[in-house]
Amino acid sequence: MSESISTNSVFDDKLDYFICAQFLFMHLACLLVIWAGVSPVAVVTCVALYIVRMFAITAGFHRLLAHRTYRTSRFFQFLIAFTGTASYQKGPLWWSAHHRHHHLVADTDKDFHSPLTRKFWRAHFGWFLSRDS
């Protein structure tokens, strides 16, 4: 693990503005639907992509890569990693390392996103927008 994960108990709450801009523009882009319109195909595609990407995060990044709950082929591991990365939750190695770290130090000062030791904003999504993560 990197040193900032393993030894740093005081977090730098300064935001990484490049990541923040990407996150903001990604969500603002949803407003383009006002001009583009909505079709049944677009809604079904949106829901299907959401389900597939969340499966990749929960069954892939979380259960397969972070906890090693099950085994699967290299091809399926690649597919899960690729699809999970498309959900904009950083890469599989970063995600797994941070999740394992979270379990090691859950709800202590060293936990990046503990709701007990961090402010609400920081605990829920601010932790991955900051420089130290």
Protein backbone atom coordinates (compact mmCIF):
# COMPACT_ATOMS: atom_id res chain seq x y z
CA MET A 1 0.00 0.00 0.00
CA SER A 2 1.10 3.53 -0.49
CA GLU A 3 2.39 5.47 2.47
CA SER A 4 -0.52 7.92 2.41
CA ILE A 5 -2.92 5.02 2.90
CA SER A 6 -1.06 3.16 5.61
CA THR A 7 0.35 5.86 7.89
CA ASN A 8 -1.52 9.11 7.41
CA SER A 9 -4.19 9.63 10.06
CA VAL A 10 -4.79 13.32 9.39
CA PHE A 11 -6.31 13.95 5.99
CA ASP A 12 -5.76 16.85 3.69
CA ASP A 13 -9.30 18.03 2.92
CA LYS A 14 -8.11 20.07 -0.04
CA LEU A 15 -9.99 19.13 -3.17
CA ASP A 16 -8.44 17.85 -6.37
CA TYR A 17 -10.04 20.38 -8.70
CA PHE A 18 -9.35 18.34 -11.82
CA ILE A 19 -11.37 15.41 -10.42
CA CYS A 20 -14.04 17.80 -9.09
CA ALA A 21 -14.43 19.39 -12.53
CA GLN A 22 -14.86 15.98 -14.18
CA PHE A 23 -17.42 14.95 -11.55
CA LEU A 24 -19.33 18.23 -11.91
CA PHE A 25 -19.38 18.23 -15.72
CA MET A 26 -20.42 14.59 -15.85
CA HIS A 27 -23.49 15.42 -13.75
CA LEU A 28 -24.22 18.69 -15.55
CA ALA A 29 -24.14 16.81 -18.87
CA CYS A 30 -27.33 15.07 -17.76
CA LEU A 31 -29.11 18.42 -18.22
CA LEU A 32 -28.53 18.09 -21.97
CA VAL A 33 -31.58 15.85 -21.98
CA ILE A 34 -33.62 19.08 -21.94
CA TRP A 35 -32.51 19.80 -25.52
CA ALA A 36 -31.98 16.25 -26.77
CA GLY A 37 -35.20 14.80 -25.44
CA VAL A 38 -35.91 11.40 -23.94
CA SER A 39 -36.85 8.25 -25.79
CA PRO A 40 -37.83 4.83 -24.46
CA VAL A 41 -34.61 3.40 -25.94
CA ALA A 42 -32.54 6.02 -24.09
CA VAL A 43 -34.26 5.25 -20.77
CA VAL A 44 -33.81 1.48 -21.20
CA THR A 45 -30.16 1.99 -22.16
CA CYS A 46 -29.60 4.22 -19.14
CA VAL A 47 -31.17 1.72 -16.74
CA ALA A 48 -29.33 -1.22 -18.32
CA LEU A 49 -25.95 0.54 -18.13
CA TYR A 50 -26.62 1.48 -14.51
CA ILE A 51 -27.41 -2.14 -13.59
CA VAL A 52 -24.40 -3.55 -15.46
CA ARG A 53 -21.99 -1.00 -13.99
CA MET A 54 -23.29 -1.41 -10.45
CA PHE A 55 -22.96 -5.18 -10.84
CA ALA A 56 -19.35 -4.62 -11.90
CA ILE A 57 -18.70 -2.53 -8.80
CA THR A 58 -20.51 -4.73 -6.26
CA ALA A 59 -19.79 -8.20 -7.66
CA GLY A 60 -16.52 -7.25 -9.32
CA PHE A 61 -14.56 -4.55 -7.50
CA HIS A 62 -16.08 -5.30 -4.09
CA ARG A 63 -16.63 -9.06 -3.88
CA LEU A 64 -14.16 -10.40 -6.45
CA LEU A 65 -11.21 -8.00 -6.28
CA ALA A 66 -11.34 -6.52 -2.77
CA HIS A 67 -12.58 -9.55 -0.79
CA ARG A 68 -11.72 -12.45 -3.14
CA THR A 69 -15.09 -14.03 -2.33
CA TYR A 70 -15.16 -16.15 -5.48
CA ARG A 71 -13.00 -17.22 -8.43
CA THR A 72 -13.62 -16.69 -12.11
CA SER A 73 -11.80 -16.74 -15.43
CA ARG A 74 -9.24 -14.11 -16.43
CA PHE A 75 -11.52 -12.97 -19.23
CA PHE A 76 -14.41 -12.33 -16.83
CA GLN A 77 -12.04 -10.55 -14.42
CA PHE A 78 -10.96 -8.28 -17.27
CA LEU A 79 -14.59 -7.69 -18.28
CA ILE A 80 -15.55 -6.82 -14.69
CA ALA A 81 -12.52 -4.51 -14.32
CA PHE A 82 -13.23 -2.74 -17.62
CA THR A 83 -16.94 -2.31 -16.90
CA GLY A 84 -16.36 -1.19 -13.32
CA THR A 85 -13.87 1.42 -14.49
CA ALA A 86 -16.55 2.75 -16.86
CA SER A 87 -18.71 3.53 -13.82
CA TYR A 88 -16.30 6.35 -12.89
CA GLN A 89 -15.21 4.97 -9.55
CA LYS A 90 -11.51 5.01 -10.43
CA GLY A 91 -9.70 1.80 -11.29
CA PRO A 92 -9.97 -1.70 -9.83
CA LEU A 93 -6.60 -1.60 -8.05
CA TRP A 94 -7.32 1.79 -6.47
CA TRP A 95 -10.83 0.75 -5.46
CA SER A 96 -9.76 -2.58 -3.97
CA ALA A 97 -6.84 -1.08 -2.05
CA HIS A 98 -8.97 1.68 -0.56
CA HIS A 99 -11.76 -0.73 0.33
CA ARG A 100 -9.35 -3.14 2.04
CA HIS A 101 -7.83 -0.20 3.91
CA HIS A 102 -11.33 0.86 4.97
CA HIS A 103 -11.96 -2.58 6.47
CA LEU A 104 -8.62 -2.58 8.29
CA VAL A 105 -9.27 0.74 10.00
CA ALA A 106 -13.07 1.02 9.85
CA ASP A 107 -14.53 3.93 11.80
CA THR A 108 -11.19 5.18 13.12
CA ASP A 109 -9.22 8.34 12.32
CA LYS A 110 -7.41 6.46 9.54
CA ASP A 111 -10.63 5.57 7.70
CA PHE A 112 -11.03 7.73 4.57
CA HIS A 113 -14.81 7.66 4.65
CA SER A 114 -15.99 6.86 8.13
CA PRO A 115 -19.33 8.52 8.93
CA LEU A 116 -18.29 8.49 12.61
CA THR A 117 -15.02 10.42 12.25
CA ARG A 118 -15.68 12.55 9.14
CA LYS A 119 -18.20 15.18 8.19
CA PHE A 120 -21.22 13.92 6.24
CA TRP A 121 -20.01 15.39 2.93
CA ARG A 122 -16.52 13.95 3.33
CA ALA A 123 -17.73 10.51 4.45
CA HIS A 124 -20.09 9.96 1.54
CA PHE A 125 -18.39 11.37 -1.53
CA GLY A 126 -15.91 14.08 -0.63
CA TRP A 127 -13.24 11.52 0.23
CA PHE A 128 -12.65 10.53 -3.37
CA LEU A 129 -12.58 14.17 -4.53
CA SER A 130 -9.74 15.13 -2.20
CA ARG A 131 -6.03 15.12 -3.00
CA ASP A 132 -5.09 12.57 -0.37
CA SER A 133 -7.17 9.77 -1.82
